[in-house]
Amino acid sequence: MRERLEQRLQELKTEFGKGQQTLQELEQQAATVRQTLLRISGAIQMLEEELGYTDQPQGDGSELSVEEAKSADATGSASAPASRPG
C-alpha cells in the first residue's frame, strides 16, 4: 500500500512539474503576443495619422476622424461622428 502511495506521489510531482513548465511557456508566449500587438497598434496609429485619420480634424476640416472614416466605409459616405464612450 505504501509503495502505491509513493508511486502516485511521484507521478503527481512529475505531472505538476510539467504543468509548471507549460504555464511558463504560455506566459512567455502571451508576453510575445502582447509585444506584437503593441507594435501593430503603433503601426496602425502611424498609418492613420499619415492618412489623415485623426480624432480632431485639423486645418479646413476636410480630414475625416477615425470614426467618420469607419462610418463612411460601412455606409459608403461620410456621416456624423459616432459618440465615443467617455
PDB file of N, CA and C in Angstrom:
ATOM      1  N   MET A   1       0.826  -1.186   0.000  1.00  0.00           N
ATOM      2  CA  MET A   1       0.000   0.000   0.000  1.00  0.00           C
ATOM      3  C   MET A   1       0.874   1.255   0.000  1.00  0.00           C
ATOM      4  N   ARG A   2       1.874   1.288   0.850  1.00  0.00           N
ATOM      5  CA  ARG A   2       2.760   2.445   0.931  1.00  0.00           C
ATOM      6  C   ARG A   2       3.488   2.644  -0.394  1.00  0.00           C
ATOM      7  N   GLU A   3       3.876   1.557  -1.016  1.00  0.00           N
ATOM      8  CA  GLU A   3       4.573   1.624  -2.293  1.00  0.00           C
ATOM      9  C   GLU A   3       3.704   2.296  -3.360  1.00  0.00           C
ATOM     10  N   ARG A   4       2.432   1.950  -3.380  1.00  0.00           N
ATOM     11  CA  ARG A   4       1.488   2.547  -4.337  1.00  0.00           C
ATOM     12  C   ARG A   4       1.329   4.037  -4.080  1.00  0.00           C
ATOM     13  N   LEU A   5       1.264   4.429  -2.807  1.00  0.00           N
ATOM     14  CA  LEU A   5       1.118   5.840  -2.470  1.00  0.00           C
ATOM     15  C   LEU A   5       2.363   6.638  -2.874  1.00  0.00           C
ATOM     16  N   GLU A   6       3.533   6.065  -2.649  1.00  0.00           N
ATOM     17  CA  GLU A   6       4.769   6.732  -3.039  1.00  0.00           C
ATOM     18  C   GLU A   6       4.871   6.862  -4.566  1.00  0.00           C
ATOM     19  N   GLN A   7       4.436   5.831  -5.263  1.00  0.00           N
ATOM     20  CA  GLN A   7       4.442   5.870  -6.724  1.00  0.00           C
ATOM     21  C   GLN A   7       3.490   6.969  -7.229  1.00  0.00           C
ATOM     22  N   ARG A   8       2.297   7.033  -6.631  1.00  0.00           N
ATOM     23  CA  ARG A   8       1.319   8.053  -7.024  1.00  0.00           C
ATOM     24  C   ARG A   8       1.850   9.455  -6.710  1.00  0.00           C
ATOM     25  N   LEU A   9       2.511   9.606  -5.560  1.00  0.00           N
ATOM     26  CA  LEU A   9       3.097  10.888  -5.192  1.00  0.00           C
ATOM     27  C   LEU A   9       4.116  11.318  -6.239  1.00  0.00           C
ATOM     28  N   GLN A  10       4.946  10.405  -6.672  1.00  0.00           N
ATOM     29  CA  GLN A  10       5.958  10.714  -7.681  1.00  0.00           C
ATOM     30  C   GLN A  10       5.301  11.088  -9.012  1.00  0.00           C
ATOM     31  N   GLU A  11       4.239  10.388  -9.388  1.00  0.00           N
ATOM     32  CA  GLU A  11       3.520  10.700 -10.622  1.00  0.00           C
ATOM     33  C   GLU A  11       2.934  12.110 -10.566  1.00  0.00           C
ATOM     34  N   LEU A  12       2.351  12.450  -9.427  1.00  0.00           N
ATOM     35  CA  LEU A  12       1.748  13.773  -9.271  1.00  0.00           C
ATOM     36  C   LEU A  12       2.800  14.871  -9.308  1.00  0.00           C
ATOM     37  N   LYS A  13       3.952  14.637  -8.684  1.00  0.00           N
ATOM     38  CA  LYS A  13       5.032  15.618  -8.715  1.00  0.00           C
ATOM     39  C   LYS A  13       5.533  15.830 -10.139  1.00  0.00           C
ATOM     40  N   THR A  14       5.640  14.753 -10.894  1.00  0.00           N
ATOM     41  CA  THR A  14       6.071  14.841 -12.286  1.00  0.00           C
ATOM     42  C   THR A  14       5.055  15.624 -13.107  1.00  0.00           C
ATOM     43  N   GLU A  15       3.783  15.304 -12.920  1.00  0.00           N
ATOM     44  CA  GLU A  15       2.707  15.992 -13.622  1.00  0.00           C
ATOM     45  C   GLU A  15       2.681  17.479 -13.250  1.00  0.00           C
ATOM     46  N   PHE A  16       2.886  17.778 -11.980  1.00  0.00           N
ATOM     47  CA  PHE A  16       2.913  19.161 -11.508  1.00  0.00           C
ATOM     48  C   PHE A  16       4.057  19.918 -12.170  1.00  0.00           C
ATOM     49  N   GLY A  17       5.224  19.315 -12.250  1.00  0.00           N
ATOM     50  CA  GLY A  17       6.376  19.942 -12.891  1.00  0.00           C
ATOM     51  C   GLY A  17       6.118  20.231 -14.359  1.00  0.00           C
ATOM     52  N   LYS A  18       5.490  19.286 -15.054  1.00  0.00           N
ATOM     53  CA  LYS A  18       5.144  19.501 -16.460  1.00  0.00           C
ATOM     54  C   LYS A  18       4.144  20.651 -16.594  1.00  0.00           C
ATOM     55  N   GLY A  19       3.196  20.716 -15.676  1.00  0.00           N
ATOM     56  CA  GLY A  19       2.212  21.795 -15.700  1.00  0.00           C
ATOM     57  C   GLY A  19       2.866  23.151 -15.485  1.00  0.00           C
ATOM     58  N   GLN A  20       3.809  23.217 -14.559  1.00  0.00           N
ATOM     59  CA  GLN A  20       4.528  24.473 -14.318  1.00  0.00           C
ATOM     60  C   GLN A  20       5.311  24.894 -15.557  1.00  0.00           C
ATOM     61  N   GLN A  21       5.938  23.936 -16.212  1.00  0.00           N
ATOM     62  CA  GLN A  21       6.711  24.231 -17.425  1.00  0.00           C
ATOM     63  C   GLN A  21       5.785  24.744 -18.530  1.00  0.00           C
ATOM     64  N   THR A  22       4.646  24.097 -18.702  1.00  0.00           N
ATOM     65  CA  THR A  22       3.677  24.528 -19.712  1.00  0.00           C
ATOM     66  C   THR A  22       3.181  25.939 -19.419  1.00  0.00           C
ATOM     67  N   LEU A  23       2.871  26.224 -18.159  1.00  0.00           N
ATOM     68  CA  LEU A  23       2.413  27.550 -17.767  1.00  0.00           C
ATOM     69  C   LEU A  23       3.470  28.606 -18.071  1.00  0.00           C
ATOM     70  N   GLN A  24       4.707  28.317 -17.775  1.00  0.00           N
ATOM     71  CA  GLN A  24       5.791  29.256 -18.045  1.00  0.00           C
ATOM     72  C   GLN A  24       5.911  29.526 -19.551  1.00  0.00           C
ATOM     73  N   GLU A  25       5.804  28.478 -20.360  1.00  0.00           N
ATOM     74  CA  GLU A  25       5.875  28.640 -21.813  1.00  0.00           C
ATOM     75  C   GLU A  25       4.711  29.480 -22.324  1.00  0.00           C
ATOM     76  N   LEU A  26       3.515  29.246 -21.793  1.00  0.00           N
ATOM     77  CA  LEU A  26       2.341  30.003 -22.217  1.00  0.00           C
ATOM     78  C   LEU A  26       2.438  31.472 -21.802  1.00  0.00           C
ATOM     79  N   GLU A  27       2.974  31.730 -20.607  1.00  0.00           N
ATOM     80  CA  GLU A  27       3.155  33.107 -20.169  1.00  0.00           C
ATOM     81  C   GLU A  27       4.148  33.834 -21.063  1.00  0.00           C
ATOM     82  N   GLN A  28       5.205  33.160 -21.479  1.00  0.00           N
ATOM     83  CA  GLN A  28       6.182  33.754 -22.392  1.00  0.00           C
ATOM     84  C   GLN A  28       5.534  34.019 -23.740  1.00  0.00           C
ATOM     85  N   GLN A  29       4.738  33.074 -24.204  1.00  0.00           N
ATOM     86  CA  GLN A  29       4.044  33.241 -25.482  1.00  0.00           C
ATOM     87  C   GLN A  29       3.075  34.427 -25.409  1.00  0.00           C
ATOM     88  N   ALA A  30       2.355  34.564 -24.304  1.00  0.00           N
ATOM     89  CA  ALA A  30       1.422  35.683 -24.137  1.00  0.00           C
ATOM     90  C   ALA A  30       2.175  37.012 -24.152  1.00  0.00           C
ATOM     91  N   ALA A  31       3.329  37.065 -23.504  1.00  0.00           N
ATOM     92  CA  ALA A  31       4.126  38.294 -23.492  1.00  0.00           C
ATOM     93  C   ALA A  31       4.577  38.648 -24.908  1.00  0.00           C
ATOM     94  N   THR A  32       4.966  37.660 -25.674  1.00  0.00           N
ATOM     95  CA  THR A  32       5.393  37.877 -27.055  1.00  0.00           C
ATOM     96  C   THR A  32       4.233  38.400 -27.900  1.00  0.00           C
ATOM     97  N   VAL A  33       3.050  37.821 -27.714  1.00  0.00           N
ATOM     98  CA  VAL A  33       1.869  38.261 -28.460  1.00  0.00           C
ATOM     99  C   VAL A  33       1.511  39.696 -28.074  1.00  0.00           C
ATOM    100  N   ARG A  34       1.589  40.028 -26.783  1.00  0.00           N
ATOM    101  CA  ARG A  34       1.305  41.402 -26.341  1.00  0.00           C
ATOM    102  C   ARG A  34       2.261  42.394 -27.006  1.00  0.00           C
ATOM    103  N   GLN A  35       3.548  42.048 -27.077  1.00  0.00           N
ATOM    104  CA  GLN A  35       4.530  42.927 -27.720  1.00  0.00           C
ATOM    105  C   GLN A  35       4.219  43.093 -29.202  1.00  0.00           C
ATOM    106  N   THR A  36       3.848  42.003 -29.847  1.00  0.00           N
ATOM    107  CA  THR A  36       3.499  42.060 -31.263  1.00  0.00           C
ATOM    108  C   THR A  36       2.284  42.947 -31.485  1.00  0.00           C
ATOM    109  N   LEU A  37       1.258  42.798 -30.652  1.00  0.00           N
ATOM    110  CA  LEU A  37       0.055  43.625 -30.777  1.00  0.00           C
ATOM    111  C   LEU A  37       0.368  45.093 -30.538  1.00  0.00           C
ATOM    112  N   LEU A  38       1.263  45.375 -29.618  1.00  0.00           N
ATOM    113  CA  LEU A  38       1.658  46.753 -29.352  1.00  0.00           C
ATOM    114  C   LEU A  38       2.345  47.360 -30.569  1.00  0.00           C
ATOM    115  N   ARG A  39       3.225  46.586 -31.201  1.00  0.00           N
ATOM    116  CA  ARG A  39       3.895  47.080 -32.411  1.00  0.00           C
ATOM    117  C   ARG A  39       2.892  47.308 -33.534  1.00  0.00           C
ATOM    118  N   ILE A  40       1.951  46.374 -33.706  1.00  0.00           N
ATOM    119  CA  ILE A  40       0.938  46.516 -34.750  1.00  0.00           C
ATOM    120  C   ILE A  40       0.065  47.733 -34.477  1.00  0.00           C
ATOM    121  N   SER A  41      -0.310  47.916 -33.225  1.00  0.00           N
ATOM    122  CA  SER A  41      -1.121  49.073 -32.842  1.00  0.00           C
ATOM    123  C   SER A  41      -0.397  50.373 -33.176  1.00  0.00           C
ATOM    124  N   GLY A  42       0.888  50.424 -32.894  1.00  0.00           N
ATOM    125  CA  GLY A  42       1.676  51.605 -33.212  1.00  0.00           C
ATOM    126  C   GLY A  42       1.735  51.852 -34.712  1.00  0.00           C
ATOM    127  N   ALA A  43       1.881  50.787 -35.490  1.00  0.00           N
ATOM    128  CA  ALA A  43       1.913  50.924 -36.946  1.00  0.00           C
ATOM    129  C   ALA A  43       0.566  51.407 -37.472  1.00  0.00           C
ATOM    130  N   ILE A  44      -0.524  50.893 -36.912  1.00  0.00           N
ATOM    131  CA  ILE A  44      -1.860  51.341 -37.308  1.00  0.00           C
ATOM    132  C   ILE A  44      -2.021  52.822 -37.012  1.00  0.00           C
ATOM    133  N   GLN A  45      -1.622  53.235 -35.821  1.00  0.00           N
ATOM    134  CA  GLN A  45      -1.740  54.642 -35.436  1.00  0.00           C
ATOM    135  C   GLN A  45      -0.930  55.531 -36.371  1.00  0.00           C
ATOM    136  N   MET A  46       0.274  55.112 -36.676  1.00  0.00           N
ATOM    137  CA  MET A  46       1.135  55.903 -37.551  1.00  0.00           C
ATOM    138  C   MET A  46       0.511  56.025 -38.936  1.00  0.00           C
ATOM    139  N   LEU A  47      -0.008  54.934 -39.477  1.00  0.00           N
ATOM    140  CA  LEU A  47      -0.623  54.982 -40.802  1.00  0.00           C
ATOM    141  C   LEU A  47      -1.893  55.819 -40.810  1.00  0.00           C
ATOM    142  N   GLU A  48      -2.697  55.703 -39.751  1.00  0.00           N
ATOM    143  CA  GLU A  48      -3.907  56.521 -39.662  1.00  0.00           C
ATOM    144  C   GLU A  48      -3.552  58.005 -39.618  1.00  0.00           C
ATOM    145  N   GLU A  49      -2.513  58.346 -38.875  1.00  0.00           N
ATOM    146  CA  GLU A  49      -2.081  59.736 -38.821  1.00  0.00           C
ATOM    147  C   GLU A  49      -1.561  60.189 -40.180  1.00  0.00           C
ATOM    148  N   GLU A  50      -0.807  59.338 -40.848  1.00  0.00           N
ATOM    149  CA  GLU A  50      -0.263  59.665 -42.166  1.00  0.00           C
ATOM    150  C   GLU A  50      -1.384  59.863 -43.182  1.00  0.00           C
ATOM    151  N   LEU A  51      -2.443  59.068 -43.067  1.00  0.00           N
ATOM    152  CA  LEU A  51      -3.577  59.175 -43.985  1.00  0.00           C
ATOM    153  C   LEU A  51      -4.548  60.278 -43.591  1.00  0.00           C
ATOM    154  N   GLY A  52      -4.333  60.885 -42.442  1.00  0.00           N
ATOM    155  CA  GLY A  52      -5.182  61.982 -42.009  1.00  0.00           C
ATOM    156  C   GLY A  52      -6.378  61.541 -41.194  1.00  0.00           C
ATOM    157  N   TYR A  53      -6.392  60.297 -40.728  1.00  0.00           N
ATOM    158  CA  TYR A  53      -7.484  59.828 -39.875  1.00  0.00           C
ATOM    159  C   TYR A  53      -7.153  60.213 -38.443  1.00  0.00           C
ATOM    160  N   THR A  54      -7.520  61.427 -38.066  1.00  0.00           N
ATOM    161  CA  THR A  54      -7.227  61.896 -36.714  1.00  0.00           C
ATOM    162  C   THR A  54      -8.512  62.041 -35.934  1.00  0.00           C
ATOM    163  N   ASP A  55      -8.404  62.044 -34.626  1.00  0.00           N
ATOM    164  CA  ASP A  55      -9.583  62.221 -33.783  1.00  0.00           C
ATOM    165  C   ASP A  55     -10.134  63.639 -33.901  1.00  0.00           C
ATOM    166  N   GLN A  56      -9.285  64.614 -34.111  1.00  0.00           N
ATOM    167  CA  GLN A  56      -9.697  66.013 -34.233  1.00  0.00           C
ATOM    168  C   GLN A  56      -9.293  66.507 -35.611  1.00  0.00           C
ATOM    169  N   PRO A  57     -10.244  66.741 -36.517  1.00  0.00           N
ATOM    170  CA  PRO A  57      -9.875  67.262 -37.840  1.00  0.00           C
ATOM    171  C   PRO A  57      -9.126  68.584 -37.694  1.00  0.00           C
ATOM    172  N   GLN A  58      -8.095  68.769 -38.519  1.00  0.00           N
ATOM    173  CA  GLN A  58      -7.285  69.971 -38.455  1.00  0.00           C
ATOM    174  C   GLN A  58      -7.435  70.745 -39.747  1.00  0.00           C
ATOM    175  N   GLY A  59      -6.997  71.982 -39.736  1.00  0.00           N
ATOM    176  CA  GLY A  59      -6.994  72.796 -40.940  1.00  0.00           C
ATOM    177  C   GLY A  59      -8.403  73.146 -41.367  1.00  0.00           C
ATOM    178  N   ASP A  60      -8.721  72.839 -42.645  1.00  0.00           N
ATOM    179  CA  ASP A  60     -10.015  73.232 -43.193  1.00  0.00           C
ATOM    180  C   ASP A  60     -11.131  72.247 -42.847  1.00  0.00           C
ATOM    181  N   GLY A  61     -10.834  71.249 -42.066  1.00  0.00           N
ATOM    182  CA  GLY A  61     -11.862  70.286 -41.649  1.00  0.00           C
ATOM    183  C   GLY A  61     -12.143  69.221 -42.688  1.00  0.00           C
ATOM    184  N   SER A  62     -11.304  69.124 -43.724  1.00  0.00           N
ATOM    185  CA  SER A  62     -11.555  68.147 -44.783  1.00  0.00           C
ATOM    186  C   SER A  62     -11.101  66.743 -44.403  1.00  0.00           C
ATOM    187  N   GLU A  63     -10.309  66.602 -43.332  1.00  0.00           N
ATOM    188  CA  GLU A  63      -9.855  65.283 -42.908  1.00  0.00           C
ATOM    189  C   GLU A  63     -10.951  64.599 -42.108  1.00  0.00           C
ATOM    190  N   LEU A  64     -11.054  63.288 -42.267  1.00  0.00           N
ATOM    191  CA  LEU A  64     -12.045  62.512 -41.538  1.00  0.00           C
ATOM    192  C   LEU A  64     -11.454  62.007 -40.236  1.00  0.00           C
ATOM    193  N   SER A  65     -12.289  61.938 -39.205  1.00  0.00           N
ATOM    194  CA  SER A  65     -11.858  61.291 -37.975  1.00  0.00           C
ATOM    195  C   SER A  65     -11.891  59.788 -38.208  1.00  0.00           C
ATOM    196  N   VAL A  66     -11.292  59.038 -37.311  1.00  0.00           N
ATOM    197  CA  VAL A  66     -11.291  57.585 -37.421  1.00  0.00           C
ATOM    198  C   VAL A  66     -12.723  57.071 -37.457  1.00  0.00           C
ATOM    199  N   GLU A  67     -13.580  57.605 -36.579  1.00  0.00           N
ATOM    200  CA  GLU A  67     -14.968  57.155 -36.525  1.00  0.00           C
ATOM    201  C   GLU A  67     -15.700  57.485 -37.817  1.00  0.00           C
ATOM    202  N   GLU A  68     -15.455  58.689 -38.369  1.00  0.00           N
ATOM    203  CA  GLU A  68     -16.102  59.080 -39.617  1.00  0.00           C
ATOM    204  C   GLU A  68     -15.636  58.198 -40.766  1.00  0.00           C
ATOM    205  N   ALA A  69     -14.355  57.885 -40.789  1.00  0.00           N
ATOM    206  CA  ALA A  69     -13.828  57.038 -41.850  1.00  0.00           C
ATOM    207  C   ALA A  69     -14.436  55.644 -41.785  1.00  0.00           C
ATOM    208  N   LYS A  70     -14.557  55.099 -40.571  1.00  0.00           N
ATOM    209  CA  LYS A  70     -15.164  53.772 -40.423  1.00  0.00           C
ATOM    210  C   LYS A  70     -16.623  53.811 -40.828  1.00  0.00           C
ATOM    211  N   SER A  71     -17.312  54.882 -40.445  1.00  0.00           N
ATOM    212  CA  SER A  71     -18.718  55.039 -40.804  1.00  0.00           C
ATOM    213  C   SER A  71     -18.862  55.167 -42.309  1.00  0.00           C
ATOM    214  N   ALA A  72     -17.969  55.928 -42.945  1.00  0.00           N
ATOM    215  CA  ALA A  72     -18.007  56.104 -44.391  1.00  0.00           C
ATOM    216  C   ALA A  72     -17.762  54.782 -45.096  1.00  0.00           C
ATOM    217  N   ASP A  73     -16.848  53.989 -44.586  1.00  0.00           N
ATOM    218  CA  ASP A  73     -16.578  52.682 -45.173  1.00  0.00           C
ATOM    219  C   ASP A  73     -17.799  51.784 -45.074  1.00  0.00           C
ATOM    220  N   ALA A  74     -18.505  51.862 -43.944  1.00  0.00           N
ATOM    221  CA  ALA A  74     -19.646  50.983 -43.724  1.00  0.00           C
ATOM    222  C   ALA A  74     -20.863  51.420 -44.530  1.00  0.00           C
ATOM    223  N   THR A  75     -21.058  52.751 -44.687  1.00  0.00           N
ATOM    224  CA  THR A  75     -22.268  53.242 -45.353  1.00  0.00           C
ATOM    225  C   THR A  75     -22.030  53.740 -46.750  1.00  0.00           C
ATOM    226  N   GLY A  76     -20.774  53.956 -47.095  1.00  0.00           N
ATOM    227  CA  GLY A  76     -20.463  54.459 -48.426  1.00  0.00           C
ATOM    228  C   GLY A  76     -20.339  55.961 -48.483  1.00  0.00           C
ATOM    229  N   SER A  77     -20.625  56.653 -47.399  1.00  0.00           N
ATOM    230  CA  SER A  77     -20.451  58.112 -47.359  1.00  0.00           C
ATOM    231  C   SER A  77     -20.125  58.545 -45.961  1.00  0.00           C
ATOM    232  N   ALA A  78     -19.552  59.729 -45.839  1.00  0.00           N
ATOM    233  CA  ALA A  78     -19.199  60.241 -44.505  1.00  0.00           C
ATOM    234  C   ALA A  78     -20.464  60.678 -43.801  1.00  0.00           C
ATOM    235  N   SER A  79     -20.535  60.397 -42.513  1.00  0.00           N
ATOM    236  CA  SER A  79     -21.682  60.816 -41.722  1.00  0.00           C
ATOM    237  C   SER A  79     -21.176  61.431 -40.439  1.00  0.00           C
ATOM    238  N   ALA A  80     -22.092  61.885 -39.607  1.00  0.00           N
ATOM    239  CA  ALA A  80     -21.697  62.486 -38.338  1.00  0.00           C
ATOM    240  C   ALA A  80     -20.932  61.480 -37.506  1.00  0.00           C
ATOM    241  N   PRO A  81     -19.924  61.950 -36.772  1.00  0.00           N
ATOM    242  CA  PRO A  81     -19.140  61.029 -35.965  1.00  0.00           C
ATOM    243  C   PRO A  81     -19.976  60.371 -34.882  1.00  0.00           C
ATOM    244  N   ALA A  82     -19.683  59.113 -34.647  1.00  0.00           N
ATOM    245  CA  ALA A  82     -20.384  58.384 -33.590  1.00  0.00           C
ATOM    246  C   ALA A  82     -19.905  58.906 -32.238  1.00  0.00           C
ATOM    247  N   SER A  83     -20.785  58.889 -31.265  1.00  0.00           N
ATOM    248  CA  SER A  83     -20.368  59.322 -29.931  1.00  0.00           C
ATOM    249  C   SER A  83     -19.395  58.302 -29.373  1.00  0.00           C
ATOM    250  N   ARG A  84     -18.362  58.824 -28.719  1.00  0.00           N
ATOM    251  CA  ARG A  84     -17.351  57.945 -28.144  1.00  0.00           C
ATOM    252  C   ARG A  84     -17.604  57.787 -26.675  1.00  0.00           C
ATOM    253  N   PRO A  85     -17.349  56.585 -26.133  1.00  0.00           N
ATOM    254  CA  PRO A  85     -17.504  56.385 -24.684  1.00  0.00           C
ATOM    255  C   PRO A  85     -16.541  57.281 -23.937  1.00  0.00           C
ATOM    256  N   GLY A  86     -17.037  57.841 -22.831  1.00  0.00           N
ATOM    257  CA  GLY A  86     -16.278  58.799 -22.038  1.00  0.00           C
ATOM    258  C   GLY A  86     -15.146  58.219 -21.357  1.00  0.00           C
TER     259      GLY A  86
END
